[in-house]
């Protein structure tokens, strides 16, 4: 199974990520974070949900922020998709502008079984 969002491909079973056809190396936590966010790109994930899903200690302030920051650097060329901070709500993986994308914006988002 794989997830494809524009120029980003996540091969779930092989734990591989490709950006513009080039493999990028992610840590285990970065891969889990990307997989979670990309699996439902229109969804806003709260800090608590992400920390629980990743097995991070709740309240350890910098840990999730650090993982997101490092993943953003690895995915710098995945435009127009990005990890977007939604103020006072959490994070979303999708188009640069947060919120629910229109059907035309979601064109090209594929989740393959």
C-alpha atoms as a PDB file:
ATOM      1  CA  UNK A   1       0.000   0.000   0.000  1.00  0.00           C
ATOM      2  CA  UNK A   2       1.244   3.495  -0.758  1.00  0.00           C
ATOM      3  CA  UNK A   3       0.179   7.095  -0.365  1.00  0.00           C
ATOM      4  CA  UNK A   4       0.837   9.583  -3.149  1.00  0.00           C
ATOM      5  CA  UNK A   5       0.407  13.324  -2.691  1.00  0.00           C
ATOM      6  CA  UNK A   6       1.755  15.277  -5.635  1.00  0.00           C
ATOM      7  CA  UNK A   7       5.493  14.586  -5.886  1.00  0.00           C
ATOM      8  CA  UNK A   8       5.575  12.688  -2.577  1.00  0.00           C
ATOM      9  CA  UNK A   9       5.176   8.893  -2.405  1.00  0.00           C
ATOM     10  CA  UNK A  10       5.086   6.955   0.870  1.00  0.00           C
ATOM     11  CA  UNK A  11       5.450   3.183   0.537  1.00  0.00           C
ATOM     12  CA  UNK A  12       3.921   1.961   3.768  1.00  0.00           C
ATOM     13  CA  UNK A  13       4.952  -1.697   3.734  1.00  0.00           C
ATOM     14  CA  UNK A  14       8.548  -1.020   2.681  1.00  0.00           C
ATOM     15  CA  UNK A  15       8.934   2.060   4.926  1.00  0.00           C
ATOM     16  CA  UNK A  16      10.247   4.123   2.019  1.00  0.00           C
ATOM     17  CA  UNK A  17       9.571   7.733   1.072  1.00  0.00           C
ATOM     18  CA  UNK A  18      10.245   9.291  -2.327  1.00  0.00           C
ATOM     19  CA  UNK A  19      10.212  12.970  -3.165  1.00  0.00           C
ATOM     20  CA  UNK A  20      10.480  13.832  -6.865  1.00  0.00           C
ATOM     21  CA  UNK A  21      11.474  10.192  -7.445  1.00  0.00           C
ATOM     22  CA  UNK A  22      14.421  10.421  -5.039  1.00  0.00           C
ATOM     23  CA  UNK A  23      14.408   8.350  -1.859  1.00  0.00           C
ATOM     24  CA  UNK A  24      14.635  10.411   1.313  1.00  0.00           C
ATOM     25  CA  UNK A  25      15.831   8.971   4.597  1.00  0.00           C
ATOM     26  CA  UNK A  26      13.581   9.492   7.588  1.00  0.00           C
ATOM     27  CA  UNK A  27      13.884   8.336  11.164  1.00  0.00           C
ATOM     28  CA  UNK A  28      11.312   5.860  12.456  1.00  0.00           C
ATOM     29  CA  UNK A  29       9.391   8.654  14.239  1.00  0.00           C
ATOM     30  CA  UNK A  30       9.501  10.919  11.170  1.00  0.00           C
ATOM     31  CA  UNK A  31       8.145   8.094   9.006  1.00  0.00           C
ATOM     32  CA  UNK A  32       5.327   7.381  11.475  1.00  0.00           C
ATOM     33  CA  UNK A  33       4.497  11.083  11.695  1.00  0.00           C
ATOM     34  CA  UNK A  34       4.446  11.521   7.915  1.00  0.00           C
ATOM     35  CA  UNK A  35       2.352   8.379   7.442  1.00  0.00           C
ATOM     36  CA  UNK A  36      -0.162   9.552  10.018  1.00  0.00           C
ATOM     37  CA  UNK A  37      -0.477  13.072   8.600  1.00  0.00           C
ATOM     38  CA  UNK A  38      -0.501  11.988   4.944  1.00  0.00           C
ATOM     39  CA  UNK A  39      -3.040   9.211   5.489  1.00  0.00           C
ATOM     40  CA  UNK A  40      -5.720  11.835   6.114  1.00  0.00           C
ATOM     41  CA  UNK A  41      -4.398  15.067   4.643  1.00  0.00           C
ATOM     42  CA  UNK A  42      -7.567  17.068   5.196  1.00  0.00           C
ATOM     43  CA  UNK A  43      -7.683  16.264   8.917  1.00  0.00           C
ATOM     44  CA  UNK A  44      -6.366  18.523  11.655  1.00  0.00           C
ATOM     45  CA  UNK A  45      -4.391  16.459  14.172  1.00  0.00           C
ATOM     46  CA  UNK A  46      -4.061  17.800  17.718  1.00  0.00           C
ATOM     47  CA  UNK A  47      -0.764  17.702  19.590  1.00  0.00           C
ATOM     48  CA  UNK A  48      -2.242  15.177  22.024  1.00  0.00           C
ATOM     49  CA  UNK A  49      -3.329  12.859  19.192  1.00  0.00           C
ATOM     50  CA  UNK A  50       0.071  13.011  17.520  1.00  0.00           C
ATOM     51  CA  UNK A  51       1.998  12.507  20.770  1.00  0.00           C
ATOM     52  CA  UNK A  52      -0.168   9.500  21.677  1.00  0.00           C
ATOM     53  CA  UNK A  53       0.100   7.949  18.201  1.00  0.00           C
ATOM     54  CA  UNK A  54       3.866   8.398  18.133  1.00  0.00           C
ATOM     55  CA  UNK A  55       4.392   7.194  21.695  1.00  0.00           C
ATOM     56  CA  UNK A  56       5.898  10.507  22.795  1.00  0.00           C
ATOM     57  CA  UNK A  57       5.644  11.648  26.384  1.00  0.00           C
ATOM     58  CA  UNK A  58       2.741  14.015  26.722  1.00  0.00           C
ATOM     59  CA  UNK A  59       3.748  17.466  27.792  1.00  0.00           C
ATOM     60  CA  UNK A  60       7.412  17.113  26.852  1.00  0.00           C
ATOM     61  CA  UNK A  61       7.086  20.411  25.055  1.00  0.00           C
ATOM     62  CA  UNK A  62       9.863  20.367  22.489  1.00  0.00           C
ATOM     63  CA  UNK A  63       9.741  16.744  21.382  1.00  0.00           C
ATOM     64  CA  UNK A  64       6.829  16.850  18.911  1.00  0.00           C
ATOM     65  CA  UNK A  65       7.827  20.324  17.731  1.00  0.00           C
ATOM     66  CA  UNK A  66      11.348  19.072  17.025  1.00  0.00           C
ATOM     67  CA  UNK A  67      10.126  16.047  15.048  1.00  0.00           C
ATOM     68  CA  UNK A  68       7.777  18.218  12.986  1.00  0.00           C
ATOM     69  CA  UNK A  69      10.503  20.785  12.336  1.00  0.00           C
ATOM     70  CA  UNK A  70      12.953  18.129  11.137  1.00  0.00           C
ATOM     71  CA  UNK A  71      10.315  16.465   8.963  1.00  0.00           C
ATOM     72  CA  UNK A  72       9.434  19.837   7.422  1.00  0.00           C
ATOM     73  CA  UNK A  73      13.094  20.263   6.440  1.00  0.00           C
ATOM     74  CA  UNK A  74      13.166  16.822   4.801  1.00  0.00           C
ATOM     75  CA  UNK A  75       9.976  17.634   2.878  1.00  0.00           C
ATOM     76  CA  UNK A  76      10.958  21.178   1.900  1.00  0.00           C
ATOM     77  CA  UNK A  77      10.469  20.424  -1.798  1.00  0.00           C
ATOM     78  CA  UNK A  78       7.107  18.675  -1.468  1.00  0.00           C
ATOM     79  CA  UNK A  79       5.255  21.805  -2.537  1.00  0.00           C
ATOM     80  CA  UNK A  80       2.399  22.530  -2.672  1.00  0.00           C
ATOM     81  CA  UNK A  81       2.023  20.054   0.198  1.00  0.00           C
ATOM     82  CA  UNK A  82       3.402  20.885   3.604  1.00  0.00           C
ATOM     83  CA  UNK A  83       2.905  20.338   7.300  1.00  0.00           C
ATOM     84  CA  UNK A  84       0.880  23.385   8.262  1.00  0.00           C
ATOM     85  CA  UNK A  85       0.378  24.598  11.820  1.00  0.00           C
ATOM     86  CA  UNK A  86      -3.263  25.424  12.496  1.00  0.00           C
ATOM     87  CA  UNK A  87      -3.109  27.876  15.373  1.00  0.00           C
ATOM     88  CA  UNK A  88      -4.586  26.602  18.650  1.00  0.00           C
ATOM     89  CA  UNK A  89      -5.788  23.422  16.933  1.00  0.00           C
ATOM     90  CA  UNK A  90      -2.842  21.329  15.730  1.00  0.00           C
ATOM     91  CA  UNK A  91      -1.288  20.294  12.425  1.00  0.00           C
ATOM     92  CA  UNK A  92      -2.515  19.379   8.976  1.00  0.00           C
ATOM     93  CA  UNK A  93      -0.671  17.918   5.993  1.00  0.00           C
ATOM     94  CA  UNK A  94      -1.923  19.395   2.786  1.00  0.00           C
ATOM     95  CA  UNK A  95      -1.938  22.506   0.689  1.00  0.00           C
ATOM     96  CA  UNK A  96      -0.209  25.574   2.082  1.00  0.00           C
ATOM     97  CA  UNK A  97      -3.497  27.163   3.135  1.00  0.00           C
ATOM     98  CA  UNK A  98      -5.011  25.279   6.097  1.00  0.00           C
ATOM     99  CA  UNK A  99      -8.632  24.238   6.148  1.00  0.00           C
ATOM    100  CA  UNK A 100     -10.669  21.712   4.253  1.00  0.00           C
ATOM    101  CA  UNK A 101      -9.457  21.514   0.649  1.00  0.00           C
ATOM    102  CA  UNK A 102     -11.977  21.634  -2.151  1.00  0.00           C
ATOM    103  CA  UNK A 103     -12.416  18.557  -4.385  1.00  0.00           C
ATOM    104  CA  UNK A 104     -10.378  20.270  -7.114  1.00  0.00           C
ATOM    105  CA  UNK A 105      -7.509  20.809  -4.637  1.00  0.00           C
ATOM    106  CA  UNK A 106      -7.612  17.129  -3.658  1.00  0.00           C
ATOM    107  CA  UNK A 107      -7.129  16.056  -7.295  1.00  0.00           C
ATOM    108  CA  UNK A 108      -3.885  14.108  -7.430  1.00  0.00           C
ATOM    109  CA  UNK A 109      -4.153  12.797  -3.874  1.00  0.00           C
ATOM    110  CA  UNK A 110      -4.093   9.024  -4.120  1.00  0.00           C
ATOM    111  CA  UNK A 111      -4.154   6.309  -1.502  1.00  0.00           C
ATOM    112  CA  UNK A 112      -3.422   2.957  -3.148  1.00  0.00           C
ATOM    113  CA  UNK A 113      -4.285  -0.364  -1.587  1.00  0.00           C
END
